[in-house]
PDB file of N, CA and C in Angstrom:
ATOM      1  N   VAL A   1     -30.313  23.368  -3.664  1.00  0.00           N
ATOM      2  CA  VAL A   1     -30.643  22.360  -4.647  1.00  0.00           C
ATOM      3  C   VAL A   1     -32.087  21.943  -4.419  1.00  0.00           C
ATOM      4  N   PHE A   2     -32.865  22.004  -5.460  1.00  0.00           N
ATOM      5  CA  PHE A   2     -34.270  21.639  -5.382  1.00  0.00           C
ATOM      6  C   PHE A   2     -34.476  20.315  -6.102  1.00  0.00           C
ATOM      7  N   ILE A   3     -35.062  19.347  -5.407  1.00  0.00           N
ATOM      8  CA  ILE A   3     -35.353  18.039  -5.993  1.00  0.00           C
ATOM      9  C   ILE A   3     -36.851  17.812  -5.867  1.00  0.00           C
ATOM     10  N   ASP A   4     -37.496  17.415  -6.950  1.00  0.00           N
ATOM     11  CA  ASP A   4     -38.949  17.273  -6.952  1.00  0.00           C
ATOM     12  C   ASP A   4     -39.406  15.846  -6.653  1.00  0.00           C
ATOM     13  N   SER A   5     -38.711  15.147  -5.795  1.00  0.00           N
ATOM     14  CA  SER A   5     -39.031  13.806  -5.293  1.00  0.00           C
ATOM     15  C   SER A   5     -39.052  12.729  -6.374  1.00  0.00           C
ATOM     16  N   THR A   6     -38.447  12.988  -7.517  1.00  0.00           N
ATOM     17  CA  THR A   6     -38.277  11.921  -8.501  1.00  0.00           C
ATOM     18  C   THR A   6     -36.937  11.245  -8.238  1.00  0.00           C
ATOM     19  N   HIS A   7     -36.726  10.120  -8.868  1.00  0.00           N
ATOM     20  CA  HIS A   7     -35.501   9.362  -8.639  1.00  0.00           C
ATOM     21  C   HIS A   7     -34.308  10.102  -9.242  1.00  0.00           C
ATOM     22  N   VAL A   8     -33.266  10.306  -8.445  1.00  0.00           N
ATOM     23  CA  VAL A   8     -32.057  10.971  -8.903  1.00  0.00           C
ATOM     24  C   VAL A   8     -30.985   9.905  -9.093  1.00  0.00           C
ATOM     25  N   LYS A   9     -30.445   9.805 -10.303  1.00  0.00           N
ATOM     26  CA  LYS A   9     -29.429   8.800 -10.589  1.00  0.00           C
ATOM     27  C   LYS A   9     -28.040   9.434 -10.580  1.00  0.00           C
ATOM     28  N   ALA A  10     -27.079   8.658 -10.146  1.00  0.00           N
ATOM     29  CA  ALA A  10     -25.694   9.109 -10.202  1.00  0.00           C
ATOM     30  C   ALA A  10     -25.183   8.932 -11.626  1.00  0.00           C
ATOM     31  N   SER A  11     -24.262   9.778 -12.011  1.00  0.00           N
ATOM     32  CA  SER A  11     -23.745   9.690 -13.378  1.00  0.00           C
ATOM     33  C   SER A  11     -22.343   9.086 -13.418  1.00  0.00           C
ATOM     34  N   ALA A  12     -22.000   8.285 -12.440  1.00  0.00           N
ATOM     35  CA  ALA A  12     -20.670   7.667 -12.401  1.00  0.00           C
ATOM     36  C   ALA A  12     -20.647   6.409 -13.258  1.00  0.00           C
ATOM     37  N   ASN A  13     -19.553   6.215 -13.953  1.00  0.00           N
ATOM     38  CA  ASN A  13     -19.363   5.020 -14.768  1.00  0.00           C
ATOM     39  C   ASN A  13     -18.348   4.137 -14.055  1.00  0.00           C
ATOM     40  N   LYS A  14     -18.753   2.965 -13.615  1.00  0.00           N
ATOM     41  CA  LYS A  14     -17.852   2.108 -12.844  1.00  0.00           C
ATOM     42  C   LYS A  14     -16.810   1.420 -13.709  1.00  0.00           C
ATOM     43  N   ARG A  15     -16.936   1.485 -15.011  1.00  0.00           N
ATOM     44  CA  ARG A  15     -15.963   0.853 -15.898  1.00  0.00           C
ATOM     45  C   ARG A  15     -14.901   1.828 -16.389  1.00  0.00           C
ATOM     46  N   LYS A  16     -14.909   3.037 -15.885  1.00  0.00           N
ATOM     47  CA  LYS A  16     -13.974   4.057 -16.323  1.00  0.00           C
ATOM     48  C   LYS A  16     -12.846   4.147 -15.293  1.00  0.00           C
ATOM     49  N   PHE A  17     -11.675   3.625 -15.637  1.00  0.00           N
ATOM     50  CA  PHE A  17     -10.566   3.622 -14.689  1.00  0.00           C
ATOM     51  C   PHE A  17      -9.238   3.680 -15.425  1.00  0.00           C
ATOM     52  N   GLU A  18      -8.187   3.995 -14.667  1.00  0.00           N
ATOM     53  CA  GLU A  18      -6.825   3.977 -15.176  1.00  0.00           C
ATOM     54  C   GLU A  18      -6.027   3.001 -14.334  1.00  0.00           C
ATOM     55  N   LYS A  19      -5.134   2.269 -14.961  1.00  0.00           N
ATOM     56  CA  LYS A  19      -4.248   1.377 -14.218  1.00  0.00           C
ATOM     57  C   LYS A  19      -2.997   2.159 -13.848  1.00  0.00           C
ATOM     58  N   LYS A  20      -2.608   2.081 -12.579  1.00  0.00           N
ATOM     59  CA  LYS A  20      -1.418   2.775 -12.099  1.00  0.00           C
ATOM     60  C   LYS A  20      -0.551   1.797 -11.332  1.00  0.00           C
ATOM     61  N   ILE A  21       0.736   2.046 -11.342  1.00  0.00           N
ATOM     62  CA  ILE A  21       1.665   1.237 -10.562  1.00  0.00           C
ATOM     63  C   ILE A  21       2.114   2.079  -9.378  1.00  0.00           C
ATOM     64  N   VAL A  22       1.886   1.559  -8.179  1.00  0.00           N
ATOM     65  CA  VAL A  22       2.243   2.278  -6.960  1.00  0.00           C
ATOM     66  C   VAL A  22       3.140   1.406  -6.098  1.00  0.00           C
ATOM     67  N   ARG A  23       3.852   2.052  -5.191  1.00  0.00           N
ATOM     68  CA  ARG A  23       4.735   1.345  -4.275  1.00  0.00           C
ATOM     69  C   ARG A  23       3.916   0.864  -3.092  1.00  0.00           C
ATOM     70  N   LYS A  24       4.164  -0.381  -2.668  1.00  0.00           N
ATOM     71  CA  LYS A  24       3.458  -0.897  -1.500  1.00  0.00           C
ATOM     72  C   LYS A  24       3.938  -0.148  -0.265  1.00  0.00           C
ATOM     73  N   GLU A  25       3.020   0.188   0.587  1.00  0.00           N
ATOM     74  CA  GLU A  25       3.365   0.925   1.794  1.00  0.00           C
ATOM     75  C   GLU A  25       3.999  -0.003   2.817  1.00  0.00           C
ATOM     76  N   SER A  26       5.024   0.496   3.479  1.00  0.00           N
ATOM     77  CA  SER A  26       5.700  -0.282   4.514  1.00  0.00           C
ATOM     78  C   SER A  26       4.904  -0.227   5.802  1.00  0.00           C
ATOM     79  N   LYS A  27       5.072  -1.221   6.592  1.00  0.00           N
ATOM     80  CA  LYS A  27       4.419  -1.251   7.891  1.00  0.00           C
ATOM     81  C   LYS A  27       5.137  -0.285   8.823  1.00  0.00           C
ATOM     82  N   ALA A  28       4.430   0.263   9.781  1.00  0.00           N
ATOM     83  CA  ALA A  28       5.003   1.235  10.704  1.00  0.00           C
ATOM     84  C   ALA A  28       6.056   0.604  11.601  1.00  0.00           C
ATOM     85  N   TYR A  29       5.906  -0.653  11.908  1.00  0.00           N
ATOM     86  CA  TYR A  29       6.822  -1.315  12.839  1.00  0.00           C
ATOM     87  C   TYR A  29       7.973  -2.025  12.146  1.00  0.00           C
ATOM     88  N   GLU A  30       8.137  -1.842  10.863  1.00  0.00           N
ATOM     89  CA  GLU A  30       9.135  -2.609  10.114  1.00  0.00           C
ATOM     90  C   GLU A  30      10.563  -2.353  10.601  1.00  0.00           C
ATOM     91  N   ALA A  31      10.925  -1.108  10.857  1.00  0.00           N
ATOM     92  CA  ALA A  31      12.290  -0.803  11.308  1.00  0.00           C
ATOM     93  C   ALA A  31      12.563  -1.420  12.673  1.00  0.00           C
ATOM     94  N   ARG A  32      11.593  -1.322  13.578  1.00  0.00           N
ATOM     95  CA  ARG A  32      11.775  -1.926  14.905  1.00  0.00           C
ATOM     96  C   ARG A  32      11.875  -3.440  14.805  1.00  0.00           C
ATOM     97  N   LEU A  33      11.109  -4.027  13.911  1.00  0.00           N
ATOM     98  CA  LEU A  33      11.148  -5.473  13.726  1.00  0.00           C
ATOM     99  C   LEU A  33      12.512  -5.918  13.195  1.00  0.00           C
ATOM    100  N   GLN A  34      13.071  -5.167  12.269  1.00  0.00           N
ATOM    101  CA  GLN A  34      14.395  -5.493  11.735  1.00  0.00           C
ATOM    102  C   GLN A  34      15.450  -5.440  12.831  1.00  0.00           C
ATOM    103  N   ASP A  35      15.398  -4.393  13.660  1.00  0.00           N
ATOM    104  CA  ASP A  35      16.354  -4.277  14.766  1.00  0.00           C
ATOM    105  C   ASP A  35      16.210  -5.442  15.731  1.00  0.00           C
ATOM    106  N   GLU A  36      14.990  -5.813  16.025  1.00  0.00           N
ATOM    107  CA  GLU A  36      14.730  -6.919  16.951  1.00  0.00           C
ATOM    108  C   GLU A  36      15.239  -8.249  16.382  1.00  0.00           C
ATOM    109  N   ILE A  37      15.026  -8.470  15.110  1.00  0.00           N
ATOM    110  CA  ILE A  37      15.497  -9.704  14.468  1.00  0.00           C
ATOM    111  C   ILE A  37      17.019  -9.766  14.497  1.00  0.00           C
ATOM    112  N   ASN A  38      17.662  -8.652  14.141  1.00  0.00           N
ATOM    113  CA  ASN A  38      19.127  -8.637  14.129  1.00  0.00           C
ATOM    114  C   ASN A  38      19.706  -8.809  15.528  1.00  0.00           C
ATOM    115  N   LYS A  39      19.065  -8.204  16.533  1.00  0.00           N
ATOM    116  CA  LYS A  39      19.545  -8.357  17.907  1.00  0.00           C
ATOM    117  C   LYS A  39      19.403  -9.810  18.358  1.00  0.00           C
ATOM    118  N   ASP A  40      18.307 -10.450  18.008  1.00  0.00           N
ATOM    119  CA  ASP A  40      18.092 -11.850  18.369  1.00  0.00           C
ATOM    120  C   ASP A  40      19.109 -12.755  17.672  1.00  0.00           C
ATOM    121  N   ARG A  41      19.419 -12.443  16.420  1.00  0.00           N
ATOM    122  CA  ARG A  41      20.418 -13.238  15.696  1.00  0.00           C
ATOM    123  C   ARG A  41      21.794 -13.096  16.343  1.00  0.00           C
ATOM    124  N   GLU A  42      22.145 -11.878  16.768  1.00  0.00           N
ATOM    125  CA  GLU A  42      23.435 -11.678  17.435  1.00  0.00           C
ATOM    126  C   GLU A  42      23.485 -12.409  18.769  1.00  0.00           C
ATOM    127  N   ASP A  43      22.364 -12.436  19.495  1.00  0.00           N
ATOM    128  CA  ASP A  43      22.309 -13.147  20.777  1.00  0.00           C
ATOM    129  C   ASP A  43      22.514 -14.647  20.594  1.00  0.00           C
ATOM    130  N   HIS A  44      22.123 -15.171  19.445  1.00  0.00           N
ATOM    131  CA  HIS A  44      22.269 -16.598  19.180  1.00  0.00           C
ATOM    132  C   HIS A  44      23.540 -16.927  18.389  1.00  0.00           C
ATOM    133  N   GLY A  45      24.451 -15.961  18.279  1.00  0.00           N
ATOM    134  CA  GLY A  45      25.735 -16.204  17.635  1.00  0.00           C
ATOM    135  C   GLY A  45      25.700 -16.212  16.123  1.00  0.00           C
ATOM    136  N   LYS A  46      24.685 -15.613  15.540  1.00  0.00           N
ATOM    137  CA  LYS A  46      24.588 -15.553  14.081  1.00  0.00           C
ATOM    138  C   LYS A  46      24.902 -14.138  13.612  1.00  0.00           C
ATOM    139  N   ASN A  47      25.244 -14.016  12.345  1.00  0.00           N
ATOM    140  CA  ASN A  47      25.488 -12.697  11.775  1.00  0.00           C
ATOM    141  C   ASN A  47      24.148 -12.006  11.513  1.00  0.00           C
ATOM    142  N   PRO A  48      24.079 -10.681  11.731  1.00  0.00           N
ATOM    143  CA  PRO A  48      22.819  -9.975  11.430  1.00  0.00           C
ATOM    144  C   PRO A  48      22.591  -9.894   9.922  1.00  0.00           C
ATOM    145  N   PHE A  49      21.330  -9.736   9.548  1.00  0.00           N
ATOM    146  CA  PHE A  49      20.999  -9.576   8.138  1.00  0.00           C
ATOM    147  C   PHE A  49      21.526  -8.231   7.643  1.00  0.00           C
ATOM    148  N   PRO A  50      22.009  -8.170   6.413  1.00  0.00           N
ATOM    149  CA  PRO A  50      22.427  -6.875   5.867  1.00  0.00           C
ATOM    150  C   PRO A  50      21.196  -5.997   5.631  1.00  0.00           C
ATOM    151  N   PRO A  51      21.369  -4.683   5.720  1.00  0.00           N
ATOM    152  CA  PRO A  51      20.212  -3.779   5.556  1.00  0.00           C
ATOM    153  C   PRO A  51      19.546  -3.877   4.190  1.00  0.00           C
ATOM    154  N   ASP A  52      20.305  -4.221   3.153  1.00  0.00           N
ATOM    155  CA  ASP A  52      19.699  -4.281   1.823  1.00  0.00           C
ATOM    156  C   ASP A  52      18.731  -5.449   1.674  1.00  0.00           C
ATOM    157  N   LYS A  53      18.790  -6.438   2.561  1.00  0.00           N
ATOM    158  CA  LYS A  53      17.843  -7.554   2.507  1.00  0.00           C
ATOM    159  C   LYS A  53      16.429  -7.072   2.846  1.00  0.00           C
ATOM    160  N   PHE A  54      16.326  -6.063   3.705  1.00  0.00           N
ATOM    161  CA  PHE A  54      15.025  -5.558   4.130  1.00  0.00           C
ATOM    162  C   PHE A  54      14.503  -4.442   3.231  1.00  0.00           C
ATOM    163  N   ASP A  55      15.371  -3.811   2.476  1.00  0.00           N
ATOM    164  CA  ASP A  55      14.984  -2.624   1.715  1.00  0.00           C
ATOM    165  C   ASP A  55      14.486  -2.944   0.317  1.00  0.00           C
ATOM    166  N   LYS A  56      13.735  -4.003   0.169  1.00  0.00           N
ATOM    167  CA  LYS A  56      13.164  -4.337  -1.130  1.00  0.00           C
ATOM    168  C   LYS A  56      11.944  -3.457  -1.368  1.00  0.00           C
ATOM    169  N   GLU A  57      11.924  -2.800  -2.506  1.00  0.00           N
ATOM    170  CA  GLU A  57      10.779  -1.957  -2.845  1.00  0.00           C
ATOM    171  C   GLU A  57       9.844  -2.767  -3.724  1.00  0.00           C
ATOM    172  N   GLU A  58       8.646  -2.976  -3.250  1.00  0.00           N
ATOM    173  CA  GLU A  58       7.681  -3.771  -3.992  1.00  0.00           C
ATOM    174  C   GLU A  58       6.658  -2.851  -4.640  1.00  0.00           C
ATOM    175  N   LEU A  59       6.274  -3.191  -5.852  1.00  0.00           N
ATOM    176  CA  LEU A  59       5.292  -2.409  -6.591  1.00  0.00           C
ATOM    177  C   LEU A  59       4.055  -3.258  -6.834  1.00  0.00           C
ATOM    178  N   LYS A  60       2.922  -2.588  -6.918  1.00  0.00           N
ATOM    179  CA  LYS A  60       1.692  -3.288  -7.260  1.00  0.00           C
ATOM    180  C   LYS A  60       0.879  -2.419  -8.207  1.00  0.00           C
ATOM    181  N   GLU A  61       0.030  -3.056  -8.970  1.00  0.00           N
ATOM    182  CA  GLU A  61      -0.795  -2.361  -9.944  1.00  0.00           C
ATOM    183  C   GLU A  61      -2.195  -2.188  -9.369  1.00  0.00           C
ATOM    184  N   ILE A  62      -2.695  -0.949  -9.410  1.00  0.00           N
ATOM    185  CA  ILE A  62      -4.038  -0.678  -8.911  1.00  0.00           C
ATOM    186  C   ILE A  62      -4.877  -0.078 -10.035  1.00  0.00           C
ATOM    187  N   LYS A  63      -6.182  -0.166  -9.862  1.00  0.00           N
ATOM    188  CA  LYS A  63      -7.116   0.470 -10.783  1.00  0.00           C
ATOM    189  C   LYS A  63      -7.717   1.665 -10.056  1.00  0.00           C
ATOM    190  N   GLU A  64      -7.529   2.859 -10.604  1.00  0.00           N
ATOM    191  CA  GLU A  64      -8.062   4.065  -9.990  1.00  0.00           C
ATOM    192  C   GLU A  64      -9.155   4.643 -10.876  1.00  0.00           C
ATOM    193  N   SER A  65     -10.296   4.906 -10.280  1.00  0.00           N
ATOM    194  CA  SER A  65     -11.430   5.437 -11.020  1.00  0.00           C
ATOM    195  C   SER A  65     -11.141   6.865 -11.471  1.00  0.00           C
ATOM    196  N   THR A  66     -11.479   7.186 -12.709  1.00  0.00           N
ATOM    197  CA  THR A  66     -11.314   8.557 -13.190  1.00  0.00           C
ATOM    198  C   THR A  66     -12.528   9.404 -12.819  1.00  0.00           C
ATOM    199  N   THR A  67     -13.631   8.757 -12.500  1.00  0.00           N
ATOM    200  CA  THR A  67     -14.846   9.475 -12.126  1.00  0.00           C
ATOM    201  C   THR A  67     -14.788   9.936 -10.677  1.00  0.00           C
ATOM    202  N   ASP A  68     -14.376   9.042  -9.796  1.00  0.00           N
ATOM    203  CA  ASP A  68     -14.326   9.351  -8.368  1.00  0.00           C
ATOM    204  C   ASP A  68     -12.999   8.851  -7.797  1.00  0.00           C
ATOM    205  N   PRO A  69     -11.920   9.617  -7.961  1.00  0.00           N
ATOM    206  CA  PRO A  69     -10.602   9.134  -7.526  1.00  0.00           C
ATOM    207  C   PRO A  69     -10.427   9.026  -6.046  1.00  0.00           C
TER     208      PRO A  69
END
């Protein structure tokens, strides 16, 4: 690539995007944390939380650039 020392501009448009709905990523320690919470509840004479209480799938809307994804 030959450039003759003039100003080179990028041709990206920052207003060009698509809205997408993605699933929020779970934390790596979430399963261990659930086990620890349930074990602590059992130690204190309480019933453990049901697994479906922790398995909520959350979604969020993001803007993804079509120029530079």
